[in-house]
């Protein structure tokens, strides 16, 4: 038995040792099967009956999940029901059967391949992971085509570690609802996948993004799964198992402390207030975020509204989501980012042209200003929801001052429309911008005069500034948030905002790493927005330091030559004085 240590993405914390159970991988066959013309109606009837059965099953799974972990997680299957009942999807399947004279299985496979190509061309991780929802629905229809098929009994997973290429949301709900699953390990997936969300809610350690672990393990192999640090150890020898036992014991003590930390005040040792906020994708995640100590929603990605349908959402559909978000978070603030799609983030219903360099192309605010009617619909809905008094608007990918002028004029026009129609809204709703383009960071002193606040998106900002694609395994080692150039750029943004009395939030992955959060505190950041699961440990780290000391150390570190020197210097200067800030603060990636 081969001993291996693999690194993936820890999406649900915890450390366990157990035996492997391998899940079967679901594949659609590319081979077309044809039927004679007189059997086309029979295939259409099979499709209708399978859809009806699938709807009943999804409703049952939704009820099961609601009873198991609460209403806030059953939303996954509301999305599946919307996909299942989407007129465009149904029409597309019927058209394939009628026009190509194919079996329903082949129509489903062709539709699945169509969506697979669309989603895999998208670089945005969150949007790309929504492919699993479409796959799930199409797979369920496929399984229900023949009513007489026997359902294969699910393997008992109690006390076992489930290893799979990927898990569809309904598979995850069905398998994990059995109870007793020790951990989940996947080739694919990311922190915003439905599997990750469900695993966190059930407190099941989970590591995803391991690429080929299903090819490296066999049934009954032993695994150590560390969902906190994202490590998986295959067939650990005795010495490693002893190491695991020690680390697990320490982690359990640490986890108990984190649960208490979530309720504590967000202040440093010298009384400086900081604000932990949550990045979320769905309104249903608010309760989950608040339980981790979030003091509001620092980033709501509005793109998800387009992912549950193949037609464009109406103003009322936008409004219902924003209004619910604002009401459930009230009185805490909610920062809604306007649609950040275009270029590589193409969605089926928008028919966006392919671009030679989409990351630098027609996306985010550039796309919105080119498609003003679409943008106006979203602005109207957000302003109507702002009547709750806690809504903030973030405009993504600002590059120049002229864009601010266009946005201001557009908001003024929409306010006049709403007033004329007698629709209520907050006339003073704050409108801020994402600082995620180096040009915006460089002129942040000019931009700060014109907007209400900044929200720094360090994921994109540092990729552009350092010219490094984080997802490219050949150059990702160059992506270094502690690069002195990166720190100097961020410092300039903080100084610019402070000069004009404007708030600054940061919603990139830097905010979720305790060491990086301490450095950001020293640079002047006070509002940290992140995946909710990381809030307690970041909060613990920031509560354990004095802001004035951190500021002095970080200012000295900015004069060093490399990211490694900065990291070593910060730890050397702060660890002896604030050891509690550095306990169990392993990597978040």
Protein backbone atom coordinates (compact mmCIF):
# COMPACT_ATOMS: atom_id res chain seq x y z
CA UNK A 1 0.00 0.00 0.00
CA UNK A 2 1.52 3.29 -1.19
CA UNK A 3 1.99 6.16 1.27
CA UNK A 4 1.25 9.61 -0.23
CA UNK A 5 0.59 13.12 1.03
CA UNK A 6 -1.64 15.25 -1.23
CA UNK A 7 -2.68 18.87 -1.00
CA UNK A 8 -6.13 20.07 -2.05
CA UNK A 9 -8.57 22.73 -0.90
CA UNK A 10 -9.98 22.39 2.62
CA UNK A 11 -13.62 23.49 2.41
CA UNK A 12 -15.00 22.06 5.65
CA UNK A 13 -12.70 21.93 8.70
CA UNK A 14 -11.87 18.90 10.83
CA UNK A 15 -9.31 16.09 11.01
CA UNK A 16 -10.24 12.38 10.75
CA UNK A 17 -8.74 8.96 9.99
CA UNK A 18 -10.81 6.32 8.23
CA UNK A 19 -11.37 3.78 5.49
CA UNK A 20 -12.07 4.66 1.85
CA UNK A 21 -15.34 4.05 0.04
CA UNK A 22 -15.12 4.89 -3.67
CA UNK A 23 -18.21 6.34 -5.34
CA UNK A 24 -19.10 5.51 -8.92
CA UNK A 25 -18.55 8.31 -11.42
CA UNK A 26 -21.55 9.38 -13.48
CA UNK A 27 -20.93 9.71 -17.22
CA UNK A 28 -23.17 10.62 -20.14
CA UNK A 29 -22.56 8.52 -23.24
CA UNK A 30 -21.60 10.52 -26.36
CA UNK A 31 -22.97 7.76 -28.63
CA UNK A 32 -26.21 8.74 -30.34
CA UNK A 33 -29.11 6.30 -30.39
CA UNK A 34 -31.81 6.90 -32.99
CA UNK A 35 -35.48 5.93 -33.12
CA UNK A 36 -37.81 5.64 -36.15
CA UNK A 37 -40.18 8.60 -36.67
CA UNK A 38 -43.22 6.71 -35.38
CA UNK A 39 -41.52 6.31 -31.96
CA UNK A 40 -40.72 9.99 -31.46
CA UNK A 41 -43.94 10.59 -29.50
CA UNK A 42 -43.08 7.63 -27.29
CA UNK A 43 -39.74 9.30 -26.47
CA UNK A 44 -41.47 12.60 -25.73
CA UNK A 45 -43.80 10.77 -23.34
CA UNK A 46 -40.78 9.10 -21.67
CA UNK A 47 -39.22 12.52 -21.20
CA UNK A 48 -42.39 13.99 -19.66
CA UNK A 49 -42.83 11.07 -17.28
CA UNK A 50 -39.16 11.16 -16.26
CA UNK A 51 -39.39 14.90 -15.55
CA UNK A 52 -42.48 14.32 -13.40
CA UNK A 53 -40.71 11.58 -11.43
CA UNK A 54 -37.59 13.75 -11.07
CA UNK A 55 -39.69 16.63 -9.73
CA UNK A 56 -41.20 14.37 -7.09
CA UNK A 57 -37.78 13.04 -6.07
CA UNK A 58 -36.19 16.50 -5.86
CA UNK A 59 -39.08 17.73 -3.71
CA UNK A 60 -38.54 14.72 -1.44
CA UNK A 61 -34.80 15.39 -1.15
CA UNK A 62 -35.52 19.05 -0.40
CA UNK A 63 -37.81 18.03 2.47
CA UNK A 64 -35.19 15.57 3.73
CA UNK A 65 -32.45 18.21 3.72
CA UNK A 66 -34.75 20.75 5.38
CA UNK A 67 -35.49 18.31 8.20
CA UNK A 68 -31.83 17.35 8.51
CA UNK A 69 -30.01 20.70 8.46
CA UNK A 70 -32.68 23.38 8.17
CA UNK A 71 -34.47 25.48 5.58
CA UNK A 72 -31.36 27.54 4.81
CA UNK A 73 -29.75 24.59 3.02
CA UNK A 74 -32.81 23.25 1.22
CA UNK A 75 -32.49 26.19 -1.22
CA UNK A 76 -30.14 24.06 -3.33
CA UNK A 77 -33.09 22.03 -4.48
CA UNK A 78 -35.29 25.05 -5.13
CA UNK A 79 -32.67 25.86 -7.76
CA UNK A 80 -32.94 22.32 -9.14
CA UNK A 81 -36.72 22.60 -9.40
CA UNK A 82 -36.30 25.90 -11.28
CA UNK A 83 -33.87 24.25 -13.71
CA UNK A 84 -36.16 21.25 -14.14
CA UNK A 85 -39.14 23.48 -14.96
CA UNK A 86 -37.24 25.93 -17.14
CA UNK A 87 -39.19 26.22 -20.44
CA UNK A 88 -36.02 26.68 -22.51
CA UNK A 89 -34.47 23.45 -21.21
CA UNK A 90 -37.63 21.44 -21.84
CA UNK A 91 -38.04 22.95 -25.31
CA UNK A 92 -34.41 22.18 -26.16
CA UNK A 93 -34.78 18.51 -25.19
CA UNK A 94 -38.04 18.12 -27.13
CA UNK A 95 -36.48 19.80 -30.18
CA UNK A 96 -33.54 17.38 -30.17
CA UNK A 97 -35.87 14.38 -29.96
CA UNK A 98 -38.16 15.64 -32.72
CA UNK A 99 -35.59 17.05 -35.14
CA UNK A 100 -32.85 14.46 -34.74
CA UNK A 101 -35.04 11.41 -34.07
CA UNK A 102 -32.89 10.43 -31.09
CA UNK A 103 -33.67 8.55 -27.91
CA UNK A 104 -34.26 10.71 -24.86
CA UNK A 105 -30.97 9.46 -23.38
CA UNK A 106 -29.10 10.93 -26.35
CA UNK A 107 -30.95 14.24 -26.13
CA UNK A 108 -30.00 14.50 -22.46
CA UNK A 109 -26.37 13.68 -23.26
CA UNK A 110 -26.25 16.31 -26.02
CA UNK A 111 -27.83 18.94 -23.78
CA UNK A 112 -25.39 18.05 -21.00
CA UNK A 113 -22.42 18.43 -23.36
CA UNK A 114 -23.78 21.80 -24.51
CA UNK A 115 -23.88 23.10 -20.95
CA UNK A 116 -20.55 21.50 -20.07
CA UNK A 117 -18.80 23.43 -22.84
CA UNK A 118 -20.48 26.66 -21.80
CA UNK A 119 -19.55 26.35 -18.14
CA UNK A 120 -16.02 25.08 -18.66
CA UNK A 121 -15.25 28.16 -20.75
CA UNK A 122 -15.99 30.32 -17.72
CA UNK A 123 -13.02 31.23 -15.54
CA UNK A 124 -15.07 32.39 -12.54
CA UNK A 125 -14.89 29.52 -10.07
CA UNK A 126 -18.28 30.10 -8.48
CA UNK A 127 -20.15 30.28 -11.77
CA UNK A 128 -18.28 27.27 -13.19
CA UNK A 129 -19.30 25.14 -10.23
CA UNK A 130 -22.98 25.75 -10.98
CA UNK A 131 -22.58 23.25 -13.84
CA UNK A 132 -23.12 20.59 -11.16
CA UNK A 133 -26.71 21.76 -10.73
CA UNK A 134 -27.53 21.30 -14.41
CA UNK A 135 -25.70 17.95 -14.47
CA UNK A 136 -27.63 16.85 -11.39
CA UNK A 137 -31.02 17.64 -12.91
CA UNK A 138 -30.20 16.01 -16.27
CA UNK A 139 -28.82 12.93 -14.52
CA UNK A 140 -31.95 12.59 -12.41
CA UNK A 141 -34.16 12.81 -15.51
CA UNK A 142 -31.95 10.15 -17.15
CA UNK A 143 -32.30 7.79 -14.18
CA UNK A 144 -36.07 8.17 -14.24
CA UNK A 145 -36.58 7.37 -17.92
CA UNK A 146 -37.49 3.76 -17.17
CA UNK A 147 -39.83 3.44 -14.22
CA UNK A 148 -39.10 -0.24 -13.83
CA UNK A 149 -35.39 0.22 -13.15
CA UNK A 150 -34.43 -1.01 -9.71
CA UNK A 151 -32.73 1.53 -7.51
CA UNK A 152 -29.33 0.34 -6.38
CA UNK A 153 -29.08 0.38 -2.59
CA UNK A 154 -26.61 2.97 -1.35
CA UNK A 155 -23.53 1.62 0.39
CA UNK A 156 -23.39 2.08 4.13
CA UNK A 157 -21.02 5.01 4.67
CA UNK A 158 -21.09 5.10 8.46
CA UNK A 159 -17.57 5.42 9.79
CA UNK A 160 -16.16 5.67 6.24
CA UNK A 161 -14.52 8.34 4.08
CA UNK A 162 -16.34 8.95 0.80
CA UNK A 163 -13.94 9.46 -2.13
CA UNK A 164 -15.38 10.53 -5.50
CA UNK A 165 -14.51 12.36 -8.69
CA UNK A 166 -17.30 14.78 -7.85
CA UNK A 167 -20.65 14.66 -6.06
CA UNK A 168 -23.79 16.13 -7.50
CA UNK A 169 -25.78 18.15 -4.95
CA UNK A 170 -28.57 15.57 -4.70
CA UNK A 171 -26.03 12.76 -4.36
CA UNK A 172 -24.34 14.65 -1.56
CA UNK A 173 -27.66 15.24 0.21
CA UNK A 174 -28.71 11.60 -0.14
CA UNK A 175 -25.36 10.06 0.85
CA UNK A 176 -24.47 12.47 3.64
CA UNK A 177 -27.96 12.37 5.13
CA UNK A 178 -27.34 8.75 6.16
CA UNK A 179 -25.29 10.12 9.02
CA UNK A 180 -21.95 8.86 10.25
CA UNK A 181 -19.90 9.82 7.15
CA UNK A 182 -16.43 10.64 8.47
CA UNK A 183 -15.21 12.84 5.61
CA UNK A 184 -15.57 13.64 1.91
CA UNK A 185 -12.67 13.80 -0.56
CA UNK A 186 -13.15 14.86 -4.20
CA UNK A 187 -11.09 15.20 -7.37
CA UNK A 188 -13.06 18.31 -8.31
CA UNK A 189 -14.98 21.08 -6.56
CA UNK A 190 -14.29 24.29 -4.71
CA UNK A 191 -15.27 26.19 -1.56
CA UNK A 192 -18.50 27.56 -3.08
CA UNK A 193 -19.81 24.24 -4.40
CA UNK A 194 -23.06 22.93 -2.95
CA UNK A 195 -21.20 19.87 -1.65
CA UNK A 196 -18.90 22.18 0.32
CA UNK A 197 -21.82 24.19 1.69
CA UNK A 198 -23.68 21.05 2.76
CA UNK A 199 -20.57 19.42 4.27
CA UNK A 200 -19.90 22.52 6.36
CA UNK A 201 -23.47 22.58 7.61
CA UNK A 202 -23.18 18.91 8.66
CA UNK A 203 -19.71 19.43 10.16
CA UNK A 204 -18.12 16.82 7.87
CA UNK A 205 -14.39 17.41 7.12
CA UNK A 206 -14.02 17.84 3.35
CA UNK A 207 -11.13 18.33 0.94
CA UNK A 208 -11.76 19.01 -2.76
CA UNK A 209 -9.70 19.89 -5.84
CA UNK A 210 -7.33 16.90 -5.55
CA UNK A 211 -7.50 16.26 -9.33
CA UNK A 212 -6.86 12.49 -9.38
CA UNK A 213 -7.21 11.02 -5.91
CA UNK A 214 -9.82 8.58 -7.24
CA UNK A 215 -7.01 7.11 -9.37
CA UNK A 216 -4.59 6.95 -6.43
CA UNK A 217 -6.70 5.15 -3.84
CA UNK A 218 -8.48 1.83 -3.62
CA UNK A 219 -11.47 0.78 -1.58
CA UNK A 220 -10.48 0.04 2.04
CA UNK A 221 -7.30 2.16 1.90
CA UNK A 222 -6.75 4.24 5.03
CA UNK A 223 -6.87 8.04 4.75
CA UNK A 224 -6.15 10.96 7.02
CA UNK A 225 -8.32 13.90 5.91
CA UNK A 226 -7.46 17.36 7.20
CA UNK A 227 -10.25 19.66 6.04
CA UNK A 228 -8.67 22.56 7.88
CA UNK A 229 -5.38 22.61 5.98
CA UNK A 230 -6.61 20.81 2.85
CA UNK A 231 -4.28 17.81 3.25
CA UNK A 232 -5.03 14.15 2.54
CA UNK A 233 -2.63 11.38 3.54
CA UNK A 234 -3.03 7.98 1.88
CA UNK A 235 -2.10 4.89 3.94
CA UNK A 236 -0.21 6.79 6.65
CA UNK A 237 2.52 4.84 8.49
CA UNK A 238 2.50 4.51 12.28
CA UNK A 239 4.58 7.62 12.97
CA UNK A 240 2.28 9.75 10.80
CA UNK A 241 -0.77 8.32 12.59
CA UNK A 242 0.71 9.38 15.92
CA UNK A 243 1.28 12.83 14.48
CA UNK A 244 -2.35 12.84 13.34
CA UNK A 245 -3.63 11.92 16.81
CA UNK A 246 -1.69 14.78 18.38
CA UNK A 247 -2.83 17.30 15.75
CA UNK A 248 -6.43 16.17 16.02
CA UNK A 249 -6.45 16.59 19.79
CA UNK A 250 -5.06 20.11 19.47
CA UNK A 251 -7.57 20.91 16.73
CA UNK A 252 -10.53 19.81 18.86
CA UNK A 253 -9.44 22.17 21.63
CA UNK A 254 -8.95 24.91 19.06
CA UNK A 255 -12.37 24.31 17.47
CA UNK A 256 -14.14 24.59 20.81
CA UNK A 257 -12.40 27.89 21.34
CA UNK A 258 -13.41 29.13 17.87
CA UNK A 259 -17.06 28.44 18.64
CA UNK A 260 -16.76 30.76 21.59
CA UNK A 261 -14.80 33.34 19.59
CA UNK A 262 -17.70 33.78 17.14
CA UNK A 263 -19.70 35.51 19.88
CA UNK A 264 -16.89 37.71 21.22
CA UNK A 265 -16.37 41.41 20.46
CA UNK A 266 -14.31 42.23 17.37
CA UNK A 267 -11.60 44.37 18.97
CA UNK A 268 -7.82 44.12 19.14
CA UNK A 269 -5.92 44.04 22.42
CA UNK A 270 -5.54 47.80 22.31
CA UNK A 271 -9.23 48.41 21.64
CA UNK A 272 -9.22 48.94 17.87
CA UNK A 273 -12.53 47.86 16.33
CA UNK A 274 -12.54 45.62 13.25
CA UNK A 275 -15.51 44.21 11.36
CA UNK A 276 -15.67 40.60 10.07
CA UNK A 277 -18.10 40.23 7.16
CA UNK A 278 -19.22 37.35 4.96
CA UNK A 279 -18.86 36.71 1.24
CA UNK A 280 -21.98 34.84 0.16
CA UNK A 281 -23.60 33.68 -3.06
CA UNK A 282 -27.14 32.91 -1.91
CA UNK A 283 -29.56 34.67 0.47
CA UNK A 284 -30.09 31.37 2.28
CA UNK A 285 -26.50 31.47 3.55
CA UNK A 286 -27.08 34.47 5.83
CA UNK A 287 -28.04 32.45 8.91
CA UNK A 288 -24.99 30.23 8.43
CA UNK A 289 -22.75 33.31 8.11
CA UNK A 290 -24.13 35.01 11.22
CA UNK A 291 -23.55 31.86 13.26
CA UNK A 292 -19.82 32.20 12.50
CA UNK A 293 -19.77 35.78 13.78
CA UNK A 294 -20.31 37.73 10.55
CA UNK A 295 -21.44 41.31 11.17
CA UNK A 296 -23.00 41.69 7.76
CA UNK A 297 -22.57 40.66 4.13
CA UNK A 298 -19.42 42.18 2.69
CA UNK A 299 -19.94 40.74 -0.79
CA UNK A 300 -23.08 39.36 -2.41
CA UNK A 301 -22.30 38.08 -5.89
CA UNK A 302 -25.42 38.85 -7.89
CA UNK A 303 -24.38 36.63 -10.82
CA UNK A 304 -26.07 33.64 -9.23
CA UNK A 305 -29.47 35.10 -10.17
CA UNK A 306 -28.63 34.29 -13.80
CA UNK A 307 -27.51 30.76 -12.99
CA UNK A 308 -30.87 29.35 -11.96
CA UNK A 309 -32.54 30.01 -15.29
CA UNK A 310 -31.82 30.02 -18.99
CA UNK A 311 -33.83 33.21 -19.55
CA UNK A 312 -32.95 36.69 -18.31
CA UNK A 313 -34.28 37.46 -14.80
CA UNK A 314 -36.95 40.12 -14.51
CA UNK A 315 -36.79 43.16 -12.24
CA UNK A 316 -39.17 41.44 -9.81
CA UNK A 317 -36.98 38.34 -9.67
CA UNK A 318 -33.97 40.53 -8.89
CA UNK A 319 -35.96 42.50 -6.32
CA UNK A 320 -37.29 39.47 -4.45
CA UNK A 321 -33.74 38.23 -3.87
CA UNK A 322 -32.24 41.58 -2.84
CA UNK A 323 -35.22 42.38 -0.60
CA UNK A 324 -34.99 39.03 1.14
CA UNK A 325 -31.24 39.48 1.56
CA UNK A 326 -31.65 42.93 3.10
CA UNK A 327 -34.49 41.89 5.41
CA UNK A 328 -32.75 38.77 6.73
CA UNK A 329 -29.47 40.60 7.34
CA UNK A 330 -31.09 43.71 8.86
CA UNK A 331 -29.88 45.83 10.54
CA UNK A 332 -26.46 44.60 9.46
CA UNK A 333 -25.10 46.02 6.18
CA UNK A 334 -25.35 44.16 2.88
CA UNK A 335 -22.95 44.98 0.04
CA UNK A 336 -24.44 43.90 -3.32
CA UNK A 337 -22.01 43.73 -6.23
CA UNK A 338 -23.65 44.50 -9.55
CA UNK A 339 -23.38 41.82 -12.19
CA UNK A 340 -19.79 40.76 -12.88
CA UNK A 341 -20.09 38.79 -16.07
CA UNK A 342 -18.93 39.13 -19.65
CA UNK A 343 -15.86 37.90 -21.46
CA UNK A 344 -14.86 34.58 -19.92
CA UNK A 345 -17.93 34.70 -17.65
CA UNK A 346 -20.35 34.16 -20.52
CA UNK A 347 -23.77 32.78 -19.66
CA UNK A 348 -26.09 31.03 -22.13
CA UNK A 349 -28.92 33.56 -22.08
CA UNK A 350 -26.63 36.53 -22.76
CA UNK A 351 -25.02 35.21 -25.97
CA UNK A 352 -21.76 37.06 -25.30
CA UNK A 353 -19.21 36.93 -28.11
CA UNK A 354 -16.00 35.03 -27.45
CA UNK A 355 -13.01 37.34 -26.98
CA UNK A 356 -9.29 36.70 -27.59
CA UNK A 357 -8.37 37.87 -24.06
CA UNK A 358 -11.62 37.77 -22.06
CA UNK A 359 -10.09 38.53 -18.63
CA UNK A 360 -9.16 41.95 -20.03
CA UNK A 361 -12.22 42.33 -22.20
CA UNK A 362 -15.89 43.32 -22.08
CA UNK A 363 -16.79 42.28 -18.56
CA UNK A 364 -18.27 43.61 -15.30
CA UNK A 365 -19.07 47.36 -15.47
CA UNK A 366 -17.84 47.51 -19.06
CA UNK A 367 -20.46 44.94 -20.00
CA UNK A 368 -23.15 46.66 -17.91
CA UNK A 369 -22.56 50.06 -19.51
CA UNK A 370 -22.71 48.44 -22.95
CA UNK A 371 -25.99 46.70 -21.99
CA UNK A 372 -27.72 49.54 -20.18
CA UNK A 373 -31.24 48.17 -20.14
CA UNK A 374 -30.00 45.02 -18.40
CA UNK A 375 -28.08 47.22 -15.95
CA UNK A 376 -31.07 49.49 -15.32
CA UNK A 377 -33.21 46.50 -14.36
CA UNK A 378 -30.67 45.48 -11.74
CA UNK A 379 -30.20 49.02 -10.42
CA UNK A 380 -33.97 49.49 -10.08
CA UNK A 381 -34.29 46.26 -8.11
CA UNK A 382 -31.37 47.08 -5.80
CA UNK A 383 -32.66 50.60 -5.13
CA UNK A 384 -36.14 49.25 -4.34
CA UNK A 385 -34.60 46.79 -1.86
CA UNK A 386 -32.59 49.63 -0.30
CA UNK A 387 -35.74 50.77 1.49
CA UNK A 388 -34.62 48.40 4.27
CA UNK A 389 -31.86 50.93 5.00
CA UNK A 390 -28.87 48.55 5.04
CA UNK A 391 -28.06 48.09 1.34
CA UNK A 392 -24.78 49.19 -0.23
CA UNK A 393 -23.94 48.91 -3.95
CA UNK A 394 -20.53 47.80 -5.26
CA UNK A 395 -19.60 48.47 -8.90
CA UNK A 396 -16.98 45.98 -10.17
CA UNK A 397 -13.89 46.54 -12.33
CA UNK A 398 -13.75 50.32 -12.40
CA UNK A 399 -10.77 51.57 -14.42
CA UNK A 400 -11.25 55.30 -14.99
CA UNK A 401 -13.02 58.40 -13.71
CA UNK A 402 -15.32 58.63 -16.75
CA UNK A 403 -17.04 55.39 -15.71
CA UNK A 404 -17.96 56.95 -12.38
CA UNK A 405 -19.69 59.81 -14.19
CA UNK A 406 -21.71 57.44 -16.37
CA UNK A 407 -22.75 55.37 -13.36
CA UNK A 408 -23.77 58.46 -11.37
CA UNK A 409 -25.96 59.66 -14.27
CA UNK A 410 -27.57 56.25 -14.64
CA UNK A 411 -28.39 56.02 -10.93
CA UNK A 412 -29.88 59.54 -11.04
CA UNK A 413 -32.14 58.56 -13.97
CA UNK A 414 -33.33 55.40 -12.21
CA UNK A 415 -34.05 57.34 -8.99
CA UNK A 416 -36.19 59.79 -10.97
CA UNK A 417 -38.09 56.90 -12.61
CA UNK A 418 -38.79 55.24 -9.27
CA UNK A 419 -39.91 58.53 -7.71
CA UNK A 420 -42.26 59.19 -10.63
CA UNK A 421 -43.75 55.72 -10.21
CA UNK A 422 -44.18 56.18 -6.46
CA UNK A 423 -41.81 53.33 -5.59
CA UNK A 424 -39.96 53.64 -2.29
CA UNK A 425 -36.16 53.52 -2.05
CA UNK A 426 -33.31 54.93 0.02
CA UNK A 427 -32.26 58.15 -1.76
CA UNK A 428 -28.89 58.07 0.01
CA UNK A 429 -27.96 54.44 -0.66
CA UNK A 430 -24.12 54.31 -0.66
CA UNK A 431 -22.51 53.44 -3.99
CA UNK A 432 -18.90 52.26 -3.92
CA UNK A 433 -16.47 50.58 -6.27
CA UNK A 434 -14.31 47.51 -6.40
CA UNK A 435 -10.61 48.26 -6.46
CA UNK A 436 -9.48 45.27 -8.52
CA UNK A 437 -7.71 46.89 -11.47
CA UNK A 438 -4.21 48.34 -10.85
CA UNK A 439 -5.21 51.55 -12.63
CA UNK A 440 -8.00 52.10 -10.11
CA UNK A 441 -5.62 51.49 -7.22
CA UNK A 442 -3.14 53.98 -8.70
CA UNK A 443 -5.77 56.75 -8.95
CA UNK A 444 -7.58 55.79 -5.75
CA UNK A 445 -6.85 59.29 -4.41
CA UNK A 446 -8.97 60.70 -7.26
CA UNK A 447 -11.67 58.01 -7.09
CA UNK A 448 -12.11 58.45 -3.33
CA UNK A 449 -13.52 61.93 -3.93
CA UNK A 450 -16.29 60.59 -6.16
CA UNK A 451 -17.56 57.40 -4.46
CA UNK A 452 -18.89 56.46 -1.03
CA UNK A 453 -16.52 53.59 -0.23
CA UNK A 454 -13.96 51.14 -1.61
CA UNK A 455 -14.11 47.36 -1.65
CA UNK A 456 -10.75 45.82 -2.55
CA UNK A 457 -10.88 42.59 -4.55
CA UNK A 458 -7.36 41.32 -3.96
CA UNK A 459 -7.84 38.11 -5.96
CA UNK A 460 -8.05 39.99 -9.27
CA UNK A 461 -6.07 43.05 -8.20
CA UNK A 462 -2.96 41.06 -7.33
CA UNK A 463 -3.28 38.77 -10.36
CA UNK A 464 -3.31 41.80 -12.64
CA UNK A 465 -0.64 43.67 -10.69
CA UNK A 466 1.76 40.73 -10.39
CA UNK A 467 0.89 39.38 -13.88
CA UNK A 468 0.23 35.93 -12.41
CA UNK A 469 -2.67 33.56 -13.07
CA UNK A 470 -3.31 31.90 -9.70
CA UNK A 471 -4.91 28.89 -11.37
CA UNK A 472 -1.92 28.26 -13.68
CA UNK A 473 0.20 25.59 -12.00
CA UNK A 474 3.30 26.74 -13.90
CA UNK A 475 3.32 30.29 -12.50
CA UNK A 476 1.03 30.22 -9.45
CA UNK A 477 4.11 30.15 -7.18
CA UNK A 478 4.63 33.79 -8.18
CA UNK A 479 1.28 34.84 -6.73
CA UNK A 480 2.51 36.31 -3.43
CA UNK A 481 0.15 38.59 -1.49
CA UNK A 482 3.05 39.67 0.73
CA UNK A 483 5.12 40.90 -2.22
CA UNK A 484 6.40 44.34 -1.15
CA UNK A 485 4.92 45.86 -4.32
CA UNK A 486 1.50 44.47 -3.41
CA UNK A 487 1.71 45.86 0.12
CA UNK A 488 2.74 49.30 -1.16
CA UNK A 489 -0.16 49.34 -3.62
CA UNK A 490 -2.64 48.43 -0.90
CA UNK A 491 -1.18 51.01 1.45
CA UNK A 492 -1.75 53.69 -1.17
CA UNK A 493 -5.43 52.71 -1.42
CA UNK A 494 -5.89 52.86 2.36
CA UNK A 495 -4.21 56.26 2.59
CA UNK A 496 -6.33 57.63 -0.28
CA UNK A 497 -9.59 56.47 1.32
CA UNK A 498 -8.57 57.78 4.75
CA UNK A 499 -7.73 61.19 3.35
CA UNK A 500 -11.35 61.63 2.25
CA UNK A 501 -12.96 59.79 5.16
CA UNK A 502 -14.13 56.84 3.04
CA UNK A 503 -14.54 53.30 4.36
CA UNK A 504 -12.54 50.43 2.90
CA UNK A 505 -13.48 46.74 2.93
CA UNK A 506 -11.45 43.87 1.51
CA UNK A 507 -13.21 40.79 0.15
CA UNK A 508 -10.39 38.76 -1.42
CA UNK A 509 -8.82 35.58 -0.06
CA UNK A 510 -6.22 37.63 1.80
CA UNK A 511 -8.88 38.49 4.37
CA UNK A 512 -9.38 34.80 5.22
CA UNK A 513 -5.76 34.03 6.10
CA UNK A 514 -4.94 34.94 9.73
CA UNK A 515 -1.34 36.02 9.02
CA UNK A 516 -2.35 38.09 5.99
CA UNK A 517 -5.27 39.57 7.94
CA UNK A 518 -2.83 40.72 10.63
CA UNK A 519 -0.69 42.38 7.95
CA UNK A 520 -3.80 44.04 6.47
CA UNK A 521 -4.71 45.32 9.93
CA UNK A 522 -1.27 46.91 10.07
CA UNK A 523 -1.84 48.55 6.68
CA UNK A 524 -5.04 50.14 7.97
CA UNK A 525 -7.82 47.72 7.01
CA UNK A 526 -10.74 47.44 9.45
CA UNK A 527 -13.43 45.58 7.45
CA UNK A 528 -12.56 42.01 6.46
CA UNK A 529 -15.00 40.03 4.28
CA UNK A 530 -14.47 36.32 3.67
CA UNK A 531 -16.01 32.87 3.42
CA UNK A 532 -17.91 32.62 6.74
CA UNK A 533 -16.10 29.48 7.93
CA UNK A 534 -12.85 31.44 8.24
CA UNK A 535 -14.28 34.28 10.34
CA UNK A 536 -13.66 32.72 13.80
CA UNK A 537 -9.97 32.00 13.26
CA UNK A 538 -9.30 35.40 11.67
CA UNK A 539 -11.22 37.03 14.49
CA UNK A 540 -9.18 35.07 17.03
CA UNK A 541 -5.92 36.18 15.43
CA UNK A 542 -6.88 39.87 15.27
CA UNK A 543 -8.17 39.89 18.85
CA UNK A 544 -4.78 38.58 19.99
CA UNK A 545 -2.65 41.50 18.70
CA UNK A 546 -2.25 45.22 19.29
CA UNK A 547 -2.98 47.27 16.16
CA UNK A 548 -0.38 49.91 16.94
CA UNK A 549 2.41 47.34 17.21
CA UNK A 550 1.30 45.55 14.05
CA UNK A 551 1.22 48.86 12.17
CA UNK A 552 4.82 49.64 13.16
CA UNK A 553 6.04 46.16 12.17
CA UNK A 554 4.23 46.19 8.81
CA UNK A 555 5.55 49.64 7.94
CA UNK A 556 9.09 48.32 8.50
CA UNK A 557 8.37 45.13 6.53
CA UNK A 558 7.34 47.09 3.43
CA UNK A 559 10.96 48.11 2.94
CA UNK A 560 12.12 44.49 2.60
CA UNK A 561 13.00 42.89 -0.73
CA UNK A 562 10.74 39.84 -1.03
CA UNK A 563 7.50 38.25 0.13
CA UNK A 564 9.47 35.62 2.04
CA UNK A 565 11.45 38.26 3.89
CA UNK A 566 8.24 40.10 4.76
CA UNK A 567 6.60 36.94 6.11
CA UNK A 568 9.63 35.95 8.17
CA UNK A 569 10.05 39.46 9.55
CA UNK A 570 6.39 39.78 10.59
CA UNK A 571 6.37 36.39 12.32
CA UNK A 572 9.73 37.03 13.99
CA UNK A 573 8.57 40.38 15.40
CA UNK A 574 5.02 39.43 16.39
CA UNK A 575 5.09 35.74 17.36
CA UNK A 576 7.07 36.18 20.63
CA UNK A 577 4.76 38.99 21.80
CA UNK A 578 1.42 37.59 20.55
CA UNK A 579 1.74 33.77 20.41
CA UNK A 580 -2.03 33.23 20.59
CA UNK A 581 -2.45 34.98 17.24
CA UNK A 582 -0.38 32.29 15.51
CA UNK A 583 -1.84 29.13 17.05
CA UNK A 584 -3.52 26.79 14.54
CA UNK A 585 -3.51 29.42 11.80
CA UNK A 586 -2.54 27.05 8.99
CA UNK A 587 -3.07 27.84 5.31
CA UNK A 588 -6.57 28.50 4.05
CA UNK A 589 -5.91 27.37 0.53
